[in-house]
Every structure is written in C-alpha cells, then in structure tokens.
Amino acid sequence: MDYIIREKYISKIKLFINKPVIKILTGMRRVGKSSLLHIIKDELLKDVANENKIYINFETSMLLGINNASSLLEYLKPLLEDIEGKVYFFLDEIQVIDGWEQVISDLKLNRNCDFYLTNSNAKLISNTSLSSKEYVEFEIQPFTFSEFKKAFENMELSKENLFYKFIQLGGLPFLKYFDLDETPSFKYLNDIYNTVLVKDVLQYNNIRDVDLFNHIFSYVLTNIGQSFSASSIKTYLKNKNKNISVDTILNYLEYCNIAFLIKKVPRYDIISKKTLKVDEKYYLTDHGFRQATGFPIAKDIEKVLENIVYIELISRGYEVKVGKVKDKEINFIAKKEKDLYYYQILYKIRDEKIRENIFEVYNSIEDNFPKYVLSMDHSNFSQDGVIHKNIIDFLLGDEGVK
C-alpha cells in the first residue's frame, strides 16, 4: 500500500527507535496508527532482517481466539524459536489482549526486544502496572488541513476549494483513496463512526440500551463547541420521556472520550486562574462524522471551524482549554511549555458590531501573549495588537509550531 508519510509523528518516534521503552501509538480507529506502524517496520527499520520483525494485528479473524496473555504467549512461542538477535514486535490494537503487559514483561526478561504498539483506548496504560519510565505514548490525530492538502495535491484544486472539501469530509487518512467523491467518502465515514461506537463504546462497556445512548450522543453532536452539562442532557431526555441519571450520562460521555471519539475540553477562568469543573465543551476527533451522520454544515459552520482549529492545536502539541473572562468566552487558550496563545474563531467578521464584540473580549486580558482572531475573511482586520488571520492561512502556517 502507498503509505502517507506523516513526518511530524515520524520525527518524534525516530528519537525512541531501539530505546528500551515501549512505543505506544494511541488514538481513534482509522486515524493512521496501523500505517505508521508499517512505516516504522518497513522504512525506519528497513535494515533489520524481516525474520526479526513480528507484526500481529489482533483484530484479524484468524486471531480471534487470542485474547489474553497466556494465549498470546503460546502463539508467539513457535514464531520466536528460530530467531536470533534482537526481535522487533509490532502489535496492532493491543487493547484486545487482556493482560498484554504481562506478555511484554515476560518477553523483556527472556529476549532482546523492541516494542511498537497501537491502541484505541485512552485508559489502556492507566489500567496496567506499567510505570511512566517503561513507555512513551504518541497520540495520533486525523489529518490536519495541511496534511489533507498534501494528500490531495494531485487534484490540482485551489486551497479554498480543498478546504471546503476538508470541512465536508474531515481528515481520516483513508479518504485519500476516494478522490474527494462524497458518496463513497460519507459511506466510509458512517461505517467507521458506527464501528467505533459499536466496538469501542457499546460492546467494550456492555451498554445495552443503545437507543438511549444514541439520544445522548446525538445531543453531543448537536452541541459540539457549546458548553453544556450532564444535567442539561438529562432535561433534554426527560422531555422525550426518557429517564436516566446524571452519573450514567457522565459515564457514557467518558466512554466516548476514552474511545477517542470525542474530546472533552475544560473551561479556564482567566481572571481567577482556575480550571472550572462544570460545563466543559466537547469536540469530535474527526469533524467529518458530523456531516456524514446528517448534521448540515451551513447552519453550524462556526462549530465546525472551531472543531478544526481545536484538533489543529492539539496536533501541534498544545494543551488546550476554553477561556472564560468575566461573562465572556475565548474559544481556546493553547499552552505549550512557556508559550501561550489565545484564539477566537468566527466564520465572517465583516460586520462592524461583530468585529467590536470579538475584539473587545481581549481588553480584559492584561498579559502580552499573542491574541488571534481567525475567520474566513481575506481582509486583514488586525487591531490594537490583536492579530486577525484567515483561518486557511493559519492552518497552513507554522505559528507556534516547534
């Protein structure tokens, strides 16, 4: 297969090749973890003999009976018998194996090994006895717009037309093979969305009331980018004659978060410098799911743009929070080490009153960190030290990228 080289991840992983730590690629299904595993195996370690590299995908039908430590060790015994020297393990979707860390501990005791794993469960490591010194994690995101643009450069479309396609389809790497054709792309997105829901949320957590869960998740999709509480979902469901506890709602949202389907973003009070415990915001890991499941773009374009910028920022390595300043909100505060940036996202700001409101919120912030307003406008509305930038140019640029 023609793999797409994602240099920002490869460059980080390279630093740990042949180092005595377990390399774990985490993230939602179909964001490209398996492809990166093959790139490591076939490109970064191309000088290693093939017989010293063992690749296993635990979700293939032939391996359904291997689901715990003992069955995996039995499976590996004949594969390891004739291998001399260092063994490189590439274990795809390791969360399927109950007690997988015991297998790795056993192999490390008896062999010279190097491990590369993929995983679709955010709690995988915290539920094991591994110490932080034993592993390094790389969370893989869908394509950012710059990666999307590179993947479709053969289409010879303008960056504006490509961005519209990105808004529609999202950033799952496999979309490259559909050449921006909406019908197979949406079919693929819908299938992946349902696979993640069924395998990584419903089945994994033994959720039996699928209809109730779907109502909750539909509420989340409707309110992407808006602050809401579990109590507001409870009220919404009560109006539909469906009763559920706040704790169950919170559990369901956490299950989706653990499966990397959604991202929970805390709110931060800039004046008091405290992280708020209520009314977080949620964003989709891939905004294409929203359109593919029947939510129109035109009505909620600002929510989609917010979602795109959020994934861009975490892909650049930032810790991101929603900012609260008095009774107003700043879409994102992005922090990395000593760097900090503020972002407001709109669709258009040509209207003078909208412009005044969006820039005014920054007046209450007394620090000198860069403050941005991002929109689809091509005119430059920068003022009073606040930088206005076209959102496409921002996504293709390198502000804050290290």
Protein backbone atom coordinates (compact mmCIF):
# COMPACT_ATOMS: atom_id res chain seq x y z
CA MET A 1 0.00 0.00 0.00
CA ASP A 2 1.11 3.56 -0.72
CA TYR A 3 1.55 4.91 2.82
CA ILE A 4 1.29 8.60 3.58
CA ILE A 5 4.40 9.70 5.47
CA ARG A 6 3.33 11.88 8.40
CA GLU A 7 6.63 13.50 9.23
CA LYS A 8 5.51 15.24 12.43
CA TYR A 9 4.88 11.85 14.05
CA ILE A 10 7.75 10.00 12.37
CA SER A 11 10.30 12.58 13.56
CA LYS A 12 9.16 12.14 17.18
CA ILE A 13 9.06 8.33 17.02
CA LYS A 14 12.55 8.19 15.45
CA LEU A 15 14.02 9.51 18.70
CA PHE A 16 12.92 6.33 20.50
CA ILE A 17 13.91 3.68 17.95
CA ASN A 18 15.92 0.95 19.74
CA LYS A 19 15.46 2.70 23.07
CA PRO A 20 14.38 0.44 26.00
CA VAL A 21 10.85 1.87 26.26
CA ILE A 22 7.58 0.61 24.80
CA LYS A 23 6.39 2.84 21.96
CA ILE A 24 2.59 3.16 22.02
CA LEU A 25 0.62 4.86 19.24
CA THR A 26 -2.79 5.81 20.61
CA GLY A 27 -5.86 7.35 19.00
CA MET A 28 -9.23 6.68 17.44
CA ARG A 29 -9.63 3.91 14.89
CA ARG A 30 -8.61 4.75 11.33
CA VAL A 31 -6.54 7.85 12.15
CA GLY A 32 -3.50 6.11 10.66
CA LYS A 33 -1.91 4.26 13.59
CA SER A 34 -1.51 0.99 11.68
CA SER A 35 0.02 2.77 8.69
CA LEU A 36 2.55 4.43 10.98
CA LEU A 37 3.35 1.03 12.48
CA HIS A 38 4.08 -0.31 8.98
CA ILE A 39 6.20 2.74 8.14
CA ILE A 40 8.29 2.14 11.28
CA LYS A 41 8.64 -1.54 10.37
CA ASP A 42 9.30 -1.17 6.65
CA GLU A 43 11.03 2.21 6.41
CA LEU A 44 12.62 3.26 9.70
CA LEU A 45 13.77 -0.30 10.40
CA LYS A 46 14.35 -1.39 6.80
CA ASP A 47 17.90 -2.54 7.65
CA VAL A 48 16.57 -5.08 10.16
CA ALA A 49 16.05 -8.58 8.73
CA ASN A 50 12.37 -9.37 8.13
CA GLU A 51 12.60 -12.54 10.21
CA ASN A 52 13.47 -10.38 13.22
CA LYS A 53 10.27 -8.37 12.88
CA ILE A 54 6.96 -9.76 14.11
CA TYR A 55 3.77 -7.95 13.13
CA ILE A 56 0.41 -9.00 14.58
CA ASN A 57 -2.99 -7.38 14.04
CA PHE A 58 -5.18 -8.66 16.85
CA GLU A 59 -8.43 -7.79 15.10
CA THR A 60 -7.98 -10.13 12.14
CA SER A 61 -10.45 -13.02 12.06
CA MET A 62 -7.63 -15.60 12.23
CA LEU A 63 -6.60 -14.34 15.68
CA LEU A 64 -9.99 -14.08 17.39
CA GLY A 65 -9.03 -16.83 19.85
CA ILE A 66 -6.03 -14.86 21.10
CA ASN A 67 -7.42 -12.52 23.74
CA ASN A 68 -5.32 -12.97 26.88
CA ALA A 69 -1.69 -13.18 28.00
CA SER A 70 -1.41 -16.98 28.03
CA SER A 71 -2.91 -17.50 24.57
CA LEU A 72 -0.66 -14.79 23.13
CA LEU A 73 2.48 -16.32 24.67
CA GLU A 74 1.52 -19.71 23.22
CA TYR A 75 1.01 -18.12 19.81
CA LEU A 76 4.42 -16.42 19.94
CA LYS A 77 6.46 -19.47 21.02
CA PRO A 78 6.83 -21.11 17.56
CA LEU A 79 7.39 -17.70 15.92
CA LEU A 80 10.36 -16.99 18.19
CA GLU A 81 12.05 -20.42 18.12
CA ASP A 82 14.44 -19.79 15.22
CA ILE A 83 15.01 -16.04 15.59
CA GLU A 84 18.48 -14.96 16.60
CA GLY A 85 19.34 -11.48 17.87
CA LYS A 86 17.01 -8.62 18.66
CA VAL A 87 13.29 -9.06 17.98
CA TYR A 88 11.07 -6.15 16.95
CA PHE A 89 7.40 -6.53 17.87
CA PHE A 90 4.65 -4.57 16.08
CA LEU A 91 1.40 -5.28 17.91
CA ASP A 92 -1.69 -3.68 16.39
CA GLU A 93 -4.76 -2.92 18.59
CA ILE A 94 -3.14 -4.35 21.73
CA GLN A 95 -6.16 -3.41 23.90
CA VAL A 96 -7.83 -6.62 22.66
CA ILE A 97 -5.41 -8.69 24.77
CA ASP A 98 -6.28 -8.94 28.44
CA GLY A 99 -3.04 -8.73 30.43
CA TRP A 100 -0.90 -7.74 27.42
CA GLU A 101 1.65 -6.01 29.65
CA GLN A 102 2.44 -9.40 31.28
CA VAL A 103 3.44 -10.73 27.86
CA ILE A 104 5.77 -7.80 27.26
CA SER A 105 7.32 -8.17 30.72
CA ASP A 106 7.93 -11.87 30.06
CA LEU A 107 9.49 -11.20 26.64
CA LYS A 108 11.72 -8.43 28.01
CA LEU A 109 13.05 -10.81 30.67
CA ASN A 110 13.93 -13.53 28.18
CA ARG A 111 14.73 -11.77 24.90
CA ASN A 112 16.38 -8.68 23.48
CA CYS A 113 13.25 -6.86 22.25
CA ASP A 114 11.90 -3.58 20.96
CA PHE A 115 8.13 -2.95 21.12
CA TYR A 116 5.79 -0.83 18.99
CA LEU A 117 2.08 -0.97 19.82
CA THR A 118 -1.15 0.64 18.70
CA ASN A 119 -4.15 1.15 20.95
CA SER A 120 -7.64 2.64 20.67
CA ASN A 121 -8.38 3.06 24.37
CA ALA A 122 -7.26 6.13 26.32
CA LYS A 123 -7.29 4.28 29.66
CA LEU A 124 -5.17 1.35 28.49
CA ILE A 125 -1.99 2.36 30.28
CA SER A 126 -3.55 3.68 33.48
CA ASN A 127 -5.23 0.29 33.95
CA THR A 128 -1.89 -1.55 33.95
CA SER A 129 1.05 -1.80 36.31
CA LEU A 130 3.43 -0.11 33.84
CA SER A 131 5.40 2.82 35.22
CA SER A 132 5.84 6.04 33.25
CA LYS A 133 9.51 5.12 32.70
CA GLU A 134 8.57 1.99 30.75
CA TYR A 135 6.68 3.53 27.83
CA VAL A 136 6.20 6.60 25.67
CA GLU A 137 2.88 7.49 24.05
CA PHE A 138 2.17 9.27 20.77
CA GLU A 139 -1.45 10.31 20.28
CA ILE A 140 -2.26 10.24 16.57
CA GLN A 141 -4.88 12.63 15.21
CA PRO A 142 -6.70 12.67 11.88
CA PHE A 143 -5.17 14.72 9.07
CA THR A 144 -4.86 18.41 9.78
CA PHE A 145 -5.67 20.61 6.79
CA SER A 146 -2.01 20.89 5.75
CA GLU A 147 -1.78 17.07 5.66
CA PHE A 148 -5.12 16.86 3.83
CA LYS A 149 -3.87 19.36 1.24
CA LYS A 150 -0.70 17.36 0.71
CA ALA A 151 -2.65 14.10 0.36
CA PHE A 152 -4.81 15.60 -2.40
CA GLU A 153 -2.23 17.77 -4.16
CA ASN A 154 -2.73 15.70 -7.34
CA MET A 155 -6.31 17.03 -7.57
CA GLU A 156 -4.97 20.48 -8.51
CA LEU A 157 -7.70 22.33 -6.59
CA SER A 158 -7.28 25.75 -5.00
CA LYS A 159 -6.63 25.80 -1.27
CA GLU A 160 -10.10 27.33 -0.78
CA ASN A 161 -11.84 24.51 -2.68
CA LEU A 162 -9.76 21.91 -0.86
CA PHE A 163 -10.64 23.48 2.48
CA TYR A 164 -14.34 23.28 1.65
CA LYS A 165 -13.85 19.56 0.94
CA PHE A 166 -11.97 19.24 4.24
CA ILE A 167 -14.89 20.89 6.08
CA GLN A 168 -17.23 18.37 4.45
CA LEU A 169 -15.22 15.18 4.74
CA GLY A 170 -12.87 15.59 7.71
CA GLY A 171 -9.38 14.16 7.96
CA LEU A 172 -9.40 10.37 8.13
CA PRO A 173 -6.37 9.31 6.02
CA PHE A 174 -8.14 6.52 4.08
CA LEU A 175 -10.34 9.14 2.39
CA LYS A 176 -7.39 9.71 0.06
CA TYR A 177 -8.45 6.66 -1.93
CA PHE A 178 -11.90 8.08 -2.75
CA ASP A 179 -10.57 11.15 -4.62
CA LEU A 180 -12.94 13.54 -2.78
CA ASP A 181 -16.03 11.73 -4.11
CA GLU A 182 -18.71 12.47 -1.49
CA THR A 183 -20.82 9.30 -1.84
CA PRO A 184 -18.14 6.67 -1.00
CA SER A 185 -16.47 9.08 1.43
CA PHE A 186 -19.64 9.55 3.50
CA LYS A 187 -20.37 5.82 3.35
CA TYR A 188 -16.88 5.11 4.67
CA LEU A 189 -17.17 7.76 7.40
CA ASN A 190 -20.54 6.44 8.52
CA ASP A 191 -19.19 2.89 8.68
CA ILE A 192 -16.14 3.95 10.73
CA TYR A 193 -18.31 6.04 13.04
CA ASN A 194 -20.57 3.05 13.69
CA THR A 195 -17.59 0.71 14.15
CA VAL A 196 -16.07 2.97 16.79
CA LEU A 197 -19.42 3.30 18.55
CA VAL A 198 -20.20 -0.41 18.47
CA LYS A 199 -16.76 -1.93 19.17
CA ASP A 200 -15.07 0.67 21.35
CA VAL A 201 -18.04 2.13 23.20
CA LEU A 202 -21.15 -0.08 23.23
CA GLN A 203 -19.57 -3.55 23.23
CA TYR A 204 -16.48 -2.63 25.24
CA ASN A 205 -18.60 -1.10 28.01
CA ASN A 206 -21.54 -3.53 27.79
CA ILE A 207 -24.09 -0.79 27.04
CA ARG A 208 -27.43 -2.47 26.41
CA ASP A 209 -29.78 0.50 25.94
CA VAL A 210 -28.45 1.52 22.52
CA ASP A 211 -31.39 3.80 21.76
CA LEU A 212 -30.82 5.85 24.92
CA PHE A 213 -27.11 6.07 24.21
CA ASN A 214 -27.81 7.27 20.67
CA HIS A 215 -30.05 10.06 22.01
CA ILE A 216 -27.25 11.21 24.32
CA PHE A 217 -24.66 11.17 21.58
CA SER A 218 -26.99 12.94 19.18
CA TYR A 219 -27.24 15.73 21.76
CA VAL A 220 -23.44 15.92 21.88
CA LEU A 221 -23.22 16.12 18.07
CA THR A 222 -25.83 18.87 18.01
CA ASN A 223 -23.97 20.86 20.66
CA ILE A 224 -20.37 20.42 19.53
CA GLY A 225 -18.46 23.52 20.60
CA GLN A 226 -21.09 24.64 23.11
CA SER A 227 -20.82 24.42 26.88
CA PHE A 228 -23.33 22.04 28.42
CA SER A 229 -23.75 19.89 31.48
CA ALA A 230 -24.98 16.37 32.13
CA SER A 231 -28.00 17.98 33.80
CA SER A 232 -28.93 19.73 30.56
CA ILE A 233 -28.80 16.36 28.75
CA LYS A 234 -30.96 14.83 31.48
CA THR A 235 -33.55 17.59 30.99
CA TYR A 236 -33.42 17.11 27.20
CA LEU A 237 -34.06 13.37 27.60
CA LYS A 238 -36.80 13.91 30.16
CA ASN A 239 -38.67 15.99 27.60
CA LYS A 240 -38.51 12.92 25.37
CA ASN A 241 -39.92 10.77 28.20
CA LYS A 242 -36.57 9.09 28.79
CA ASN A 243 -35.23 8.88 32.33
CA ILE A 244 -31.55 8.49 33.10
CA SER A 245 -29.26 9.51 35.94
CA VAL A 246 -26.63 12.24 35.63
CA ASP A 247 -23.96 9.69 36.62
CA THR A 248 -24.91 7.41 33.73
CA ILE A 249 -24.77 10.32 31.29
CA LEU A 250 -21.32 11.25 32.57
CA ASN A 251 -20.20 7.63 32.23
CA TYR A 252 -21.43 7.46 28.62
CA LEU A 253 -19.60 10.66 27.73
CA GLU A 254 -16.43 9.34 29.35
CA TYR A 255 -16.71 6.08 27.37
CA CYS A 256 -16.77 8.13 24.15
CA ASN A 257 -13.81 10.16 25.39
CA ILE A 258 -11.83 7.00 26.22
CA ALA A 259 -12.53 5.65 22.70
CA PHE A 260 -11.08 8.91 21.30
CA LEU A 261 -14.40 9.60 19.57
CA ILE A 262 -14.81 12.95 21.31
CA LYS A 263 -12.50 15.31 23.18
CA LYS A 264 -13.53 16.90 26.46
CA VAL A 265 -12.14 20.42 26.81
CA PRO A 266 -12.13 22.06 30.26
CA ARG A 267 -13.02 25.71 30.82
CA TYR A 268 -10.50 28.01 32.45
CA ASP A 269 -11.29 31.25 34.30
CA ILE A 270 -8.57 33.64 33.16
CA ILE A 271 -9.20 36.16 35.98
CA SER A 272 -9.13 33.70 38.89
CA LYS A 273 -6.71 31.36 37.08
CA LYS A 274 -8.79 28.30 37.96
CA THR A 275 -9.95 25.37 35.86
CA LEU A 276 -13.75 25.15 36.13
CA LYS A 277 -15.31 21.81 37.00
CA VAL A 278 -18.62 22.19 35.16
CA ASP A 279 -19.93 22.81 31.65
CA GLU A 280 -16.98 21.56 29.66
CA LYS A 281 -17.05 21.66 25.89
CA TYR A 282 -16.82 18.65 23.61
CA TYR A 283 -15.35 18.37 20.13
CA LEU A 284 -15.21 15.48 17.68
CA THR A 285 -11.87 13.86 16.97
CA ASP A 286 -12.91 13.95 13.32
CA HIS A 287 -15.42 16.61 12.30
CA GLY A 288 -16.34 14.62 9.17
CA PHE A 289 -18.51 12.35 11.34
CA ARG A 290 -20.92 15.22 11.90
CA GLN A 291 -21.68 15.74 8.23
CA ALA A 292 -21.68 12.01 7.48
CA THR A 293 -24.33 11.40 10.15
CA GLY A 294 -26.71 14.00 8.77
CA PHE A 295 -25.79 17.26 10.51
CA PRO A 296 -25.68 20.12 7.97
CA ILE A 297 -22.57 22.26 7.69
CA ALA A 298 -24.10 25.55 6.56
CA LYS A 299 -26.09 26.16 9.76
CA ASP A 300 -23.23 25.29 12.11
CA ILE A 301 -20.17 26.37 10.16
CA GLU A 302 -18.59 28.14 13.15
CA LYS A 303 -18.84 24.97 15.25
CA VAL A 304 -17.08 23.01 12.51
CA LEU A 305 -14.36 25.65 12.20
CA GLU A 306 -13.84 25.59 15.97
CA ASN A 307 -13.56 21.82 15.83
CA ILE A 308 -10.94 22.05 13.07
CA VAL A 309 -8.85 24.61 14.97
CA TYR A 310 -9.04 22.58 18.20
CA ILE A 311 -7.69 19.42 16.52
CA GLU A 312 -5.03 21.54 14.79
CA LEU A 313 -3.84 22.94 18.12
CA ILE A 314 -3.60 19.59 19.89
CA SER A 315 -1.87 18.17 16.80
CA ARG A 316 0.72 20.92 17.24
CA GLY A 317 1.28 19.69 20.78
CA TYR A 318 -0.67 22.26 22.77
CA GLU A 319 -2.70 21.76 25.92
CA VAL A 320 -5.99 23.47 25.06
CA LYS A 321 -8.69 24.95 27.30
CA VAL A 322 -11.73 27.13 26.75
CA GLY A 323 -11.22 30.58 28.26
CA LYS A 324 -13.70 32.39 30.49
CA VAL A 325 -13.14 36.07 31.15
CA LYS A 326 -15.90 37.63 33.27
CA ASP A 327 -19.15 36.93 31.36
CA LYS A 328 -17.43 36.34 28.01
CA GLU A 329 -15.68 33.40 26.44
CA ILE A 330 -12.48 32.90 24.47
CA ASN A 331 -12.69 29.86 22.23
CA PHE A 332 -9.25 28.49 23.04
CA ILE A 333 -6.23 29.07 25.25
CA ALA A 334 -3.35 27.00 23.85
CA LYS A 335 -0.31 26.35 26.08
CA LYS A 336 2.96 24.56 25.46
CA GLU A 337 5.82 24.94 27.93
CA LYS A 338 6.29 28.75 28.25
CA ASP A 339 4.28 29.61 25.13
CA LEU A 340 0.64 30.64 25.34
CA TYR A 341 -1.80 31.78 22.64
CA TYR A 342 -5.42 32.96 22.64
CA TYR A 343 -7.81 32.20 19.78
CA GLN A 344 -11.25 33.41 18.77
CA ILE A 345 -12.85 31.68 15.77
CA LEU A 346 -15.62 33.05 13.57
CA TYR A 347 -16.92 32.40 10.10
CA LYS A 348 -17.02 36.05 8.95
CA ILE A 349 -16.35 39.30 10.83
CA ARG A 350 -17.07 41.94 8.20
CA ASP A 351 -19.95 43.31 10.27
CA GLU A 352 -18.58 46.14 12.44
CA LYS A 353 -20.61 45.24 15.54
CA ILE A 354 -19.46 41.61 15.42
CA ARG A 355 -15.93 42.86 14.99
CA GLU A 356 -16.19 45.10 18.04
CA ASN A 357 -17.58 42.30 20.21
CA ILE A 358 -15.00 39.72 19.19
CA PHE A 359 -12.02 42.02 19.74
CA GLU A 360 -13.42 43.56 22.92
CA VAL A 361 -13.15 40.33 24.90
CA TYR A 362 -9.37 40.63 24.76
CA ASN A 363 -9.47 44.00 26.56
CA SER A 364 -9.84 42.24 29.91
CA ILE A 365 -6.66 40.19 29.45
CA GLU A 366 -3.62 42.03 30.73
CA ASP A 367 -0.81 39.71 29.66
CA ASN A 368 1.23 40.10 26.47
CA PHE A 369 0.78 36.65 24.96
CA PRO A 370 -0.32 36.60 21.29
CA LYS A 371 -4.04 37.01 20.72
CA TYR A 372 -5.65 35.81 17.49
CA VAL A 373 -8.95 36.16 15.71
CA LEU A 374 -9.37 33.56 12.95
CA SER A 375 -12.04 33.77 10.27
CA MET A 376 -12.69 33.03 6.60
CA ASP A 377 -12.28 36.71 5.70
CA HIS A 378 -9.40 37.65 3.41
CA SER A 379 -9.23 41.27 4.57
CA ASN A 380 -6.91 41.94 7.49
CA PHE A 381 -8.89 43.22 10.48
CA SER A 382 -5.99 43.19 12.98
CA GLN A 383 -6.26 45.95 15.59
CA ASP A 384 -4.88 47.01 18.98
CA GLY A 385 -2.26 44.27 18.98
CA VAL A 386 -4.80 41.51 18.24
CA ILE A 387 -3.82 39.53 15.14
CA HIS A 388 -6.54 38.71 12.63
CA LYS A 389 -5.71 35.87 10.25
CA ASN A 390 -7.51 33.96 7.55
CA ILE A 391 -8.22 30.53 9.01
CA ILE A 392 -6.88 28.67 5.95
CA ASP A 393 -3.61 30.60 6.10
CA PHE A 394 -3.35 29.86 9.82
CA LEU A 395 -3.88 26.13 9.28
CA LEU A 396 -1.24 26.07 6.54
CA GLY A 397 1.17 28.26 8.51
CA ASP A 398 3.55 27.46 11.31
CA GLU A 399 2.65 29.84 14.15
CA GLY A 400 3.53 28.10 17.37
CA VAL A 401 4.86 25.00 15.60
CA LYS A 402 8.12 23.66 17.04
